[in-house]
């Protein structure tokens, strides 16, 4: 099954944390985000740098430094985060415009299928905002999963 990178997962969790703290006056240190979201600090700092470069996070160095979300969470799409962290995502190498290593390049029935998968993922990423993710997070009871992985994937009735 298709897997999203841990880099993107951590970046999304950091954005949820920052969105939850957007009403606070103080900047949020990366260390606090790392602790709250159980993300290794060094790894998180790399993701925050990419998010800052993309204009999704404002960051300030030095004593009293930290970061904050740069826009309203309802204006930041998961697609924006994914683009900042991964660039364009392709479920198969044959969809990458610069990759022509497949012996059936452009003559394979599966290529259209993988294109459909890529478009479906892109649609969900474009339709989902950080505000949506925050709302999902708020519905989860602390310490107890709301759904099992099987239920989320629709494998259990």
N, C-alpha and C. Protein backbone atom coordinates (compact mmCIF):
# COMPACT_ATOMS: atom_id res chain seq x y z
N UNK A 1 0.85 -1.18 0.00
CA UNK A 1 0.00 0.00 0.00
C UNK A 1 0.89 1.23 0.00
N UNK A 2 0.38 2.28 -0.50
CA UNK A 2 1.08 3.55 -0.60
C UNK A 2 1.40 4.08 0.80
N UNK A 3 2.60 4.61 0.99
CA UNK A 3 2.98 5.16 2.30
C UNK A 3 3.42 6.61 2.14
N UNK A 4 2.97 7.42 3.07
CA UNK A 4 3.39 8.82 3.14
C UNK A 4 4.63 8.86 4.02
N UNK A 5 5.57 9.72 3.67
CA UNK A 5 6.84 9.77 4.41
C UNK A 5 6.63 10.27 5.83
N UNK A 6 7.55 9.88 6.68
CA UNK A 6 7.53 10.34 8.06
C UNK A 6 7.78 11.85 8.12
N UNK A 7 8.55 12.37 7.17
CA UNK A 7 8.79 13.81 7.10
C UNK A 7 7.47 14.56 6.96
N UNK A 8 6.62 14.09 6.05
CA UNK A 8 5.33 14.75 5.84
C UNK A 8 4.42 14.57 7.05
N UNK A 9 4.41 13.39 7.62
CA UNK A 9 3.62 13.13 8.83
C UNK A 9 4.01 14.11 9.94
N UNK A 10 5.30 14.25 10.19
CA UNK A 10 5.78 15.14 11.25
C UNK A 10 5.45 16.61 10.93
N UNK A 11 5.58 17.00 9.68
CA UNK A 11 5.26 18.37 9.30
C UNK A 11 3.77 18.66 9.53
N UNK A 12 2.92 17.70 9.20
CA UNK A 12 1.48 17.88 9.41
C UNK A 12 1.17 17.97 10.91
N UNK A 13 1.81 17.13 11.72
CA UNK A 13 1.59 17.18 13.17
C UNK A 13 2.08 18.51 13.75
N UNK A 14 3.19 19.02 13.24
CA UNK A 14 3.70 20.32 13.70
C UNK A 14 2.71 21.43 13.34
N UNK A 15 2.14 21.37 12.15
CA UNK A 15 1.17 22.39 11.75
C UNK A 15 -0.09 22.33 12.61
N UNK A 16 -0.53 21.14 12.98
CA UNK A 16 -1.68 21.01 13.88
C UNK A 16 -1.35 21.64 15.23
N UNK A 17 -0.16 21.35 15.73
CA UNK A 17 0.26 21.92 17.02
C UNK A 17 0.30 23.44 16.96
N UNK A 18 0.88 23.99 15.90
CA UNK A 18 0.94 25.45 15.76
C UNK A 18 -0.45 26.06 15.60
N UNK A 19 -1.32 25.38 14.88
CA UNK A 19 -2.69 25.88 14.71
C UNK A 19 -3.42 25.89 16.05
N UNK A 20 -3.19 24.87 16.86
CA UNK A 20 -3.82 24.83 18.18
C UNK A 20 -3.33 25.94 19.09
N UNK A 21 -2.15 26.47 18.81
CA UNK A 21 -1.55 27.51 19.66
C UNK A 21 -1.57 28.88 19.00
N UNK A 22 -2.31 29.04 17.94
CA UNK A 22 -2.26 30.30 17.19
C UNK A 22 -2.77 31.51 17.97
N UNK A 23 -3.60 31.29 18.97
CA UNK A 23 -4.13 32.41 19.75
C UNK A 23 -3.19 32.85 20.86
N UNK A 24 -2.14 32.07 21.11
CA UNK A 24 -1.16 32.44 22.13
C UNK A 24 -0.29 33.58 21.62
N UNK A 25 0.07 34.48 22.48
CA UNK A 25 0.93 35.61 22.11
C UNK A 25 2.37 35.17 21.86
N UNK A 26 2.86 34.26 22.72
CA UNK A 26 4.27 33.86 22.65
C UNK A 26 4.53 32.95 21.45
N UNK A 27 5.75 33.02 20.98
CA UNK A 27 6.19 32.09 19.93
C UNK A 27 6.31 30.70 20.54
N UNK A 28 6.17 29.68 19.71
CA UNK A 28 6.25 28.31 20.18
C UNK A 28 7.63 27.75 19.82
N UNK A 29 8.45 27.43 20.83
CA UNK A 29 9.77 26.86 20.53
C UNK A 29 9.62 25.47 19.87
N UNK A 30 10.53 25.15 18.99
CA UNK A 30 10.51 23.84 18.32
C UNK A 30 10.55 22.72 19.35
N UNK A 31 11.27 22.92 20.43
CA UNK A 31 11.36 21.89 21.48
C UNK A 31 9.99 21.56 22.06
N UNK A 32 9.13 22.57 22.24
CA UNK A 32 7.78 22.33 22.76
C UNK A 32 6.92 21.54 21.77
N UNK A 33 7.05 21.89 20.49
CA UNK A 33 6.31 21.15 19.46
C UNK A 33 6.77 19.71 19.44
N UNK A 34 8.09 19.52 19.49
CA UNK A 34 8.66 18.17 19.46
C UNK A 34 8.16 17.34 20.64
N UNK A 35 8.13 17.94 21.82
CA UNK A 35 7.67 17.20 23.00
C UNK A 35 6.17 16.90 22.90
N UNK A 36 5.39 17.88 22.52
CA UNK A 36 3.94 17.70 22.46
C UNK A 36 3.53 16.66 21.43
N UNK A 37 4.27 16.60 20.32
CA UNK A 37 3.91 15.70 19.22
C UNK A 37 4.80 14.46 19.14
N UNK A 38 5.72 14.32 20.11
CA UNK A 38 6.61 13.15 20.13
C UNK A 38 7.39 13.01 18.82
N UNK A 39 8.01 14.11 18.40
CA UNK A 39 8.81 14.16 17.18
C UNK A 39 10.25 14.44 17.57
N UNK A 40 11.22 13.71 17.03
CA UNK A 40 12.63 14.03 17.31
C UNK A 40 12.94 15.47 16.91
N UNK A 41 13.54 16.24 17.83
CA UNK A 41 13.76 17.67 17.63
C UNK A 41 14.55 17.97 16.36
N UNK A 42 15.64 17.29 16.14
CA UNK A 42 16.47 17.59 14.95
C UNK A 42 15.70 17.35 13.66
N UNK A 43 14.91 16.30 13.64
CA UNK A 43 14.09 15.99 12.47
C UNK A 43 13.02 17.06 12.28
N UNK A 44 12.39 17.48 13.38
CA UNK A 44 11.36 18.51 13.32
C UNK A 44 11.93 19.83 12.81
N UNK A 45 13.12 20.19 13.27
CA UNK A 45 13.72 21.46 12.85
C UNK A 45 13.89 21.52 11.33
N UNK A 46 14.21 20.40 10.71
CA UNK A 46 14.33 20.36 9.25
C UNK A 46 12.97 20.62 8.59
N UNK A 47 11.93 20.01 9.13
CA UNK A 47 10.59 20.19 8.55
C UNK A 47 10.11 21.63 8.75
N UNK A 48 10.38 22.19 9.93
CA UNK A 48 9.99 23.58 10.19
C UNK A 48 10.72 24.53 9.24
N UNK A 49 11.97 24.23 8.94
CA UNK A 49 12.71 25.05 7.98
C UNK A 49 12.06 25.04 6.60
N UNK A 50 11.65 23.88 6.15
CA UNK A 50 10.99 23.77 4.85
C UNK A 50 9.63 24.48 4.86
N UNK A 51 8.91 24.36 5.97
CA UNK A 51 7.60 25.02 6.09
C UNK A 51 7.78 26.55 6.12
N UNK A 52 8.85 27.01 6.77
CA UNK A 52 9.15 28.44 6.80
C UNK A 52 9.48 28.94 5.39
N UNK A 53 10.30 28.21 4.70
CA UNK A 53 10.70 28.58 3.33
C UNK A 53 9.48 28.67 2.41
N UNK A 54 8.47 27.83 2.66
CA UNK A 54 7.25 27.82 1.85
C UNK A 54 6.24 28.88 2.29
N UNK A 55 6.57 29.61 3.37
CA UNK A 55 5.67 30.66 3.85
C UNK A 55 4.51 30.16 4.69
N UNK A 56 4.60 28.94 5.18
CA UNK A 56 3.52 28.37 6.00
C UNK A 56 3.75 28.59 7.48
N UNK A 57 4.99 28.81 7.86
CA UNK A 57 5.39 29.03 9.25
C UNK A 57 6.29 30.25 9.31
N UNK A 58 6.10 31.07 10.33
CA UNK A 58 7.02 32.18 10.59
C UNK A 58 7.92 31.72 11.72
N UNK A 59 9.21 31.87 11.55
CA UNK A 59 10.13 31.45 12.61
C UNK A 59 11.09 32.58 12.94
N UNK A 60 11.47 32.62 14.22
CA UNK A 60 12.33 33.67 14.74
C UNK A 60 13.41 33.02 15.59
N UNK A 61 14.66 33.38 15.34
CA UNK A 61 15.79 32.80 16.06
C UNK A 61 16.12 33.62 17.31
N UNK A 62 16.97 33.02 18.12
CA UNK A 62 17.50 33.73 19.28
C UNK A 62 16.70 33.49 20.54
N UNK A 63 17.14 34.21 21.60
CA UNK A 63 16.46 34.08 22.90
C UNK A 63 15.01 34.50 22.74
N UNK A 64 14.11 33.69 23.24
CA UNK A 64 12.69 33.98 23.10
C UNK A 64 12.14 33.68 21.73
N UNK A 65 12.97 33.05 20.90
CA UNK A 65 12.55 32.71 19.54
C UNK A 65 11.61 31.53 19.50
N UNK A 66 11.18 31.21 18.33
CA UNK A 66 10.27 30.10 18.13
C UNK A 66 9.55 30.29 16.82
N UNK A 67 8.38 29.72 16.72
CA UNK A 67 7.64 29.86 15.47
C UNK A 67 6.16 29.97 15.73
N UNK A 68 5.45 30.33 14.67
CA UNK A 68 3.99 30.39 14.70
C UNK A 68 3.49 30.11 13.30
N UNK A 69 2.25 29.73 13.20
CA UNK A 69 1.65 29.47 11.91
C UNK A 69 1.53 30.80 11.17
N UNK A 70 1.80 30.81 9.87
CA UNK A 70 1.88 32.05 9.10
C UNK A 70 0.55 32.52 8.55
N UNK A 71 -0.42 31.61 8.44
CA UNK A 71 -1.72 31.95 7.87
C UNK A 71 -2.81 31.32 8.71
N UNK A 72 -4.02 31.70 8.43
CA UNK A 72 -5.16 31.06 9.08
C UNK A 72 -5.16 29.59 8.68
N UNK A 73 -5.36 28.67 9.64
CA UNK A 73 -5.35 27.23 9.33
C UNK A 73 -6.35 26.82 8.24
N UNK A 74 -7.42 27.58 8.07
CA UNK A 74 -8.39 27.25 7.03
C UNK A 74 -7.88 27.61 5.64
N UNK A 75 -6.78 28.35 5.56
CA UNK A 75 -6.19 28.73 4.28
C UNK A 75 -5.01 27.86 3.88
N UNK A 76 -4.58 26.97 4.76
CA UNK A 76 -3.43 26.11 4.47
C UNK A 76 -3.94 24.70 4.17
N UNK A 77 -3.69 24.24 2.95
CA UNK A 77 -4.12 22.91 2.54
C UNK A 77 -3.02 21.89 2.82
N UNK A 78 -3.42 20.66 3.01
CA UNK A 78 -2.44 19.58 3.16
C UNK A 78 -1.55 19.56 1.92
N UNK A 79 -2.10 19.88 0.75
CA UNK A 79 -1.30 19.94 -0.48
C UNK A 79 -0.16 20.94 -0.34
N UNK A 80 -0.39 22.06 0.34
CA UNK A 80 0.66 23.07 0.54
C UNK A 80 1.80 22.49 1.39
N UNK A 81 1.41 21.75 2.43
CA UNK A 81 2.42 21.14 3.31
C UNK A 81 3.20 20.07 2.54
N UNK A 82 2.48 19.22 1.82
CA UNK A 82 3.14 18.16 1.05
C UNK A 82 4.09 18.74 0.02
N UNK A 83 3.67 19.80 -0.67
CA UNK A 83 4.55 20.42 -1.66
C UNK A 83 5.81 20.98 -1.01
N UNK A 84 5.65 21.58 0.19
CA UNK A 84 6.80 22.15 0.89
C UNK A 84 7.79 21.08 1.34
N UNK A 85 7.27 19.92 1.73
CA UNK A 85 8.12 18.88 2.30
C UNK A 85 8.62 17.90 1.24
N UNK A 86 7.76 17.49 0.35
CA UNK A 86 8.09 16.42 -0.61
C UNK A 86 8.18 16.89 -2.06
N UNK A 87 7.56 18.02 -2.37
CA UNK A 87 7.38 18.36 -3.77
C UNK A 87 6.22 17.54 -4.30
N UNK A 88 6.08 17.47 -5.59
CA UNK A 88 4.98 16.69 -6.19
C UNK A 88 5.13 15.22 -5.84
N UNK A 89 4.04 14.61 -5.37
CA UNK A 89 4.04 13.19 -5.01
C UNK A 89 3.52 12.35 -6.17
N UNK A 90 4.23 11.30 -6.50
CA UNK A 90 3.80 10.36 -7.53
C UNK A 90 3.77 8.97 -6.92
N UNK A 91 2.65 8.23 -7.06
CA UNK A 91 2.59 6.89 -6.49
C UNK A 91 3.48 5.89 -7.22
N UNK A 92 3.86 6.20 -8.45
CA UNK A 92 4.75 5.30 -9.23
C UNK A 92 5.75 6.14 -9.99
N UNK A 93 6.94 5.61 -10.15
CA UNK A 93 8.01 6.34 -10.84
C UNK A 93 7.65 6.66 -12.28
N UNK A 94 6.80 5.86 -12.90
CA UNK A 94 6.47 6.07 -14.31
C UNK A 94 5.65 7.34 -14.54
N UNK A 95 5.11 7.93 -13.47
CA UNK A 95 4.34 9.16 -13.60
C UNK A 95 5.22 10.41 -13.50
N UNK A 96 6.42 10.23 -13.01
CA UNK A 96 7.32 11.38 -12.89
C UNK A 96 7.74 11.82 -14.28
N UNK A 97 7.51 13.08 -14.63
CA UNK A 97 7.81 13.55 -15.99
C UNK A 97 9.26 13.33 -16.43
N UNK A 98 10.18 13.32 -15.49
CA UNK A 98 11.60 13.18 -15.87
C UNK A 98 12.08 11.74 -15.87
N UNK A 99 11.24 10.79 -15.48
CA UNK A 99 11.66 9.39 -15.37
C UNK A 99 11.10 8.57 -16.54
N UNK A 100 11.98 8.10 -17.38
CA UNK A 100 11.56 7.29 -18.53
C UNK A 100 12.30 5.95 -18.52
N UNK A 101 12.46 5.38 -17.32
CA UNK A 101 13.21 4.13 -17.21
C UNK A 101 12.35 2.90 -17.43
N UNK A 102 11.03 3.05 -17.42
CA UNK A 102 10.15 1.90 -17.61
C UNK A 102 10.22 1.44 -19.07
N UNK A 103 10.34 0.15 -19.28
CA UNK A 103 10.44 -0.37 -20.65
C UNK A 103 9.14 -0.18 -21.43
N UNK A 104 8.02 0.07 -20.75
CA UNK A 104 6.75 0.30 -21.43
C UNK A 104 6.30 1.76 -21.30
N UNK A 105 7.22 2.65 -21.14
CA UNK A 105 6.92 4.06 -20.93
C UNK A 105 5.80 4.53 -21.88
N UNK A 106 4.72 5.01 -21.31
CA UNK A 106 3.56 5.54 -22.02
C UNK A 106 2.80 4.50 -22.84
N UNK A 107 3.09 3.22 -22.67
CA UNK A 107 2.37 2.16 -23.40
C UNK A 107 1.84 1.11 -22.44
N UNK A 108 1.55 1.51 -21.23
CA UNK A 108 1.15 0.56 -20.19
C UNK A 108 -0.22 0.94 -19.64
N UNK A 109 -1.11 -0.04 -19.57
CA UNK A 109 -2.43 0.21 -19.02
C UNK A 109 -2.41 0.59 -17.56
N UNK A 110 -1.39 0.17 -16.83
CA UNK A 110 -1.30 0.52 -15.41
C UNK A 110 -0.97 1.99 -15.19
N UNK A 111 -0.31 2.60 -16.16
CA UNK A 111 0.08 4.00 -15.99
C UNK A 111 -1.16 4.88 -15.79
N UNK A 112 -2.23 4.61 -16.52
CA UNK A 112 -3.47 5.36 -16.34
C UNK A 112 -4.07 5.14 -14.97
N UNK A 113 -4.00 3.89 -14.50
CA UNK A 113 -4.49 3.57 -13.15
C UNK A 113 -3.72 4.36 -12.11
N UNK A 114 -2.39 4.36 -12.21
CA UNK A 114 -1.58 5.10 -11.24
C UNK A 114 -1.84 6.60 -11.34
N UNK A 115 -2.16 7.08 -12.52
CA UNK A 115 -2.55 8.48 -12.66
C UNK A 115 -3.83 8.78 -11.90
N UNK A 116 -4.80 7.84 -11.97
CA UNK A 116 -6.05 7.99 -11.21
C UNK A 116 -5.76 8.05 -9.71
N UNK A 117 -4.87 7.18 -9.24
CA UNK A 117 -4.49 7.16 -7.82
C UNK A 117 -3.87 8.50 -7.44
N UNK A 118 -2.96 8.99 -8.25
CA UNK A 118 -2.29 10.26 -7.97
C UNK A 118 -3.30 11.41 -7.90
N UNK A 119 -4.25 11.43 -8.83
CA UNK A 119 -5.27 12.49 -8.84
C UNK A 119 -6.17 12.40 -7.61
N UNK A 120 -6.52 11.18 -7.18
CA UNK A 120 -7.36 11.01 -5.99
C UNK A 120 -6.65 11.52 -4.74
N UNK A 121 -5.39 11.18 -4.61
CA UNK A 121 -4.61 11.66 -3.47
C UNK A 121 -4.50 13.18 -3.51
N UNK A 122 -4.19 13.71 -4.67
CA UNK A 122 -4.05 15.16 -4.81
C UNK A 122 -5.35 15.86 -4.45
N UNK A 123 -6.49 15.30 -4.87
CA UNK A 123 -7.79 15.90 -4.58
C UNK A 123 -8.02 15.96 -3.06
N UNK A 124 -7.74 14.87 -2.36
CA UNK A 124 -7.92 14.86 -0.90
C UNK A 124 -6.97 15.85 -0.24
N UNK A 125 -5.73 15.91 -0.70
CA UNK A 125 -4.76 16.85 -0.14
C UNK A 125 -5.20 18.29 -0.39
N UNK A 126 -5.78 18.57 -1.55
CA UNK A 126 -6.21 19.94 -1.87
C UNK A 126 -7.48 20.33 -1.13
N UNK A 127 -8.34 19.36 -0.83
CA UNK A 127 -9.61 19.65 -0.17
C UNK A 127 -9.50 19.71 1.35
N UNK A 128 -8.41 19.22 1.91
CA UNK A 128 -8.25 19.15 3.36
C UNK A 128 -7.34 20.27 3.83
N UNK A 129 -7.81 21.02 4.82
CA UNK A 129 -7.01 22.13 5.36
C UNK A 129 -6.46 21.76 6.74
N UNK A 130 -5.55 22.58 7.22
CA UNK A 130 -5.03 22.39 8.58
C UNK A 130 -6.18 22.54 9.58
N UNK A 131 -7.11 23.44 9.31
CA UNK A 131 -8.27 23.59 10.20
C UNK A 131 -9.07 22.29 10.27
N UNK A 132 -9.20 21.59 9.14
CA UNK A 132 -9.89 20.30 9.13
C UNK A 132 -9.14 19.29 10.00
N UNK A 133 -7.81 19.29 9.91
CA UNK A 133 -7.01 18.36 10.70
C UNK A 133 -7.12 18.67 12.19
N UNK A 134 -7.15 19.95 12.52
CA UNK A 134 -7.31 20.35 13.92
C UNK A 134 -8.66 19.86 14.46
N UNK A 135 -9.70 20.01 13.66
CA UNK A 135 -11.03 19.56 14.08
C UNK A 135 -11.04 18.05 14.29
N UNK A 136 -10.41 17.31 13.41
CA UNK A 136 -10.32 15.85 13.58
C UNK A 136 -9.60 15.52 14.88
N UNK A 137 -8.53 16.24 15.15
CA UNK A 137 -7.74 16.01 16.36
C UNK A 137 -8.56 16.29 17.61
N UNK A 138 -9.36 17.32 17.58
CA UNK A 138 -10.18 17.69 18.74
C UNK A 138 -11.24 16.64 19.06
N UNK A 139 -11.68 15.90 18.05
CA UNK A 139 -12.72 14.88 18.26
C UNK A 139 -12.17 13.62 18.90
N UNK A 140 -10.86 13.45 18.91
CA UNK A 140 -10.25 12.25 19.46
C UNK A 140 -10.15 12.38 20.98
N UNK A 141 -10.60 11.36 21.68
CA UNK A 141 -10.49 11.37 23.14
C UNK A 141 -9.06 11.10 23.56
N UNK A 142 -8.52 11.85 24.52
CA UNK A 142 -7.14 11.61 24.96
C UNK A 142 -6.96 10.19 25.49
N UNK A 143 -5.88 9.55 25.04
CA UNK A 143 -5.50 8.24 25.56
C UNK A 143 -6.26 7.07 24.97
N UNK A 144 -7.23 7.32 24.12
CA UNK A 144 -8.00 6.22 23.56
C UNK A 144 -8.25 6.48 22.07
N UNK A 145 -7.83 5.57 21.20
CA UNK A 145 -8.07 5.80 19.78
C UNK A 145 -9.57 5.84 19.47
N UNK A 146 -9.96 6.75 18.62
CA UNK A 146 -11.35 6.87 18.22
C UNK A 146 -11.73 5.72 17.30
N UNK A 147 -10.82 5.36 16.41
CA UNK A 147 -11.04 4.27 15.45
C UNK A 147 -9.78 3.43 15.39
N UNK A 148 -9.95 2.15 15.10
CA UNK A 148 -8.77 1.33 14.82
C UNK A 148 -8.34 1.61 13.39
N UNK A 149 -7.11 1.24 13.06
CA UNK A 149 -6.62 1.44 11.70
C UNK A 149 -7.51 0.70 10.70
N UNK A 150 -8.00 -0.46 11.07
CA UNK A 150 -8.86 -1.23 10.17
C UNK A 150 -10.17 -0.50 9.91
N UNK A 151 -10.73 0.12 10.94
CA UNK A 151 -11.98 0.86 10.76
C UNK A 151 -11.78 2.09 9.88
N UNK A 152 -10.67 2.78 10.08
CA UNK A 152 -10.38 3.95 9.27
C UNK A 152 -10.29 3.57 7.81
N UNK A 153 -9.68 2.42 7.54
CA UNK A 153 -9.51 1.98 6.17
C UNK A 153 -10.75 1.27 5.62
N UNK A 154 -11.78 1.10 6.47
CA UNK A 154 -13.01 0.50 6.01
C UNK A 154 -12.98 -0.99 5.85
N UNK A 155 -12.07 -1.64 6.55
CA UNK A 155 -11.92 -3.09 6.40
C UNK A 155 -12.76 -3.87 7.40
N UNK A 156 -13.31 -3.18 8.40
CA UNK A 156 -14.16 -3.86 9.39
C UNK A 156 -15.53 -3.21 9.33
N UNK A 157 -16.55 -3.99 9.30
CA UNK A 157 -17.91 -3.46 9.15
C UNK A 157 -18.55 -3.01 10.39
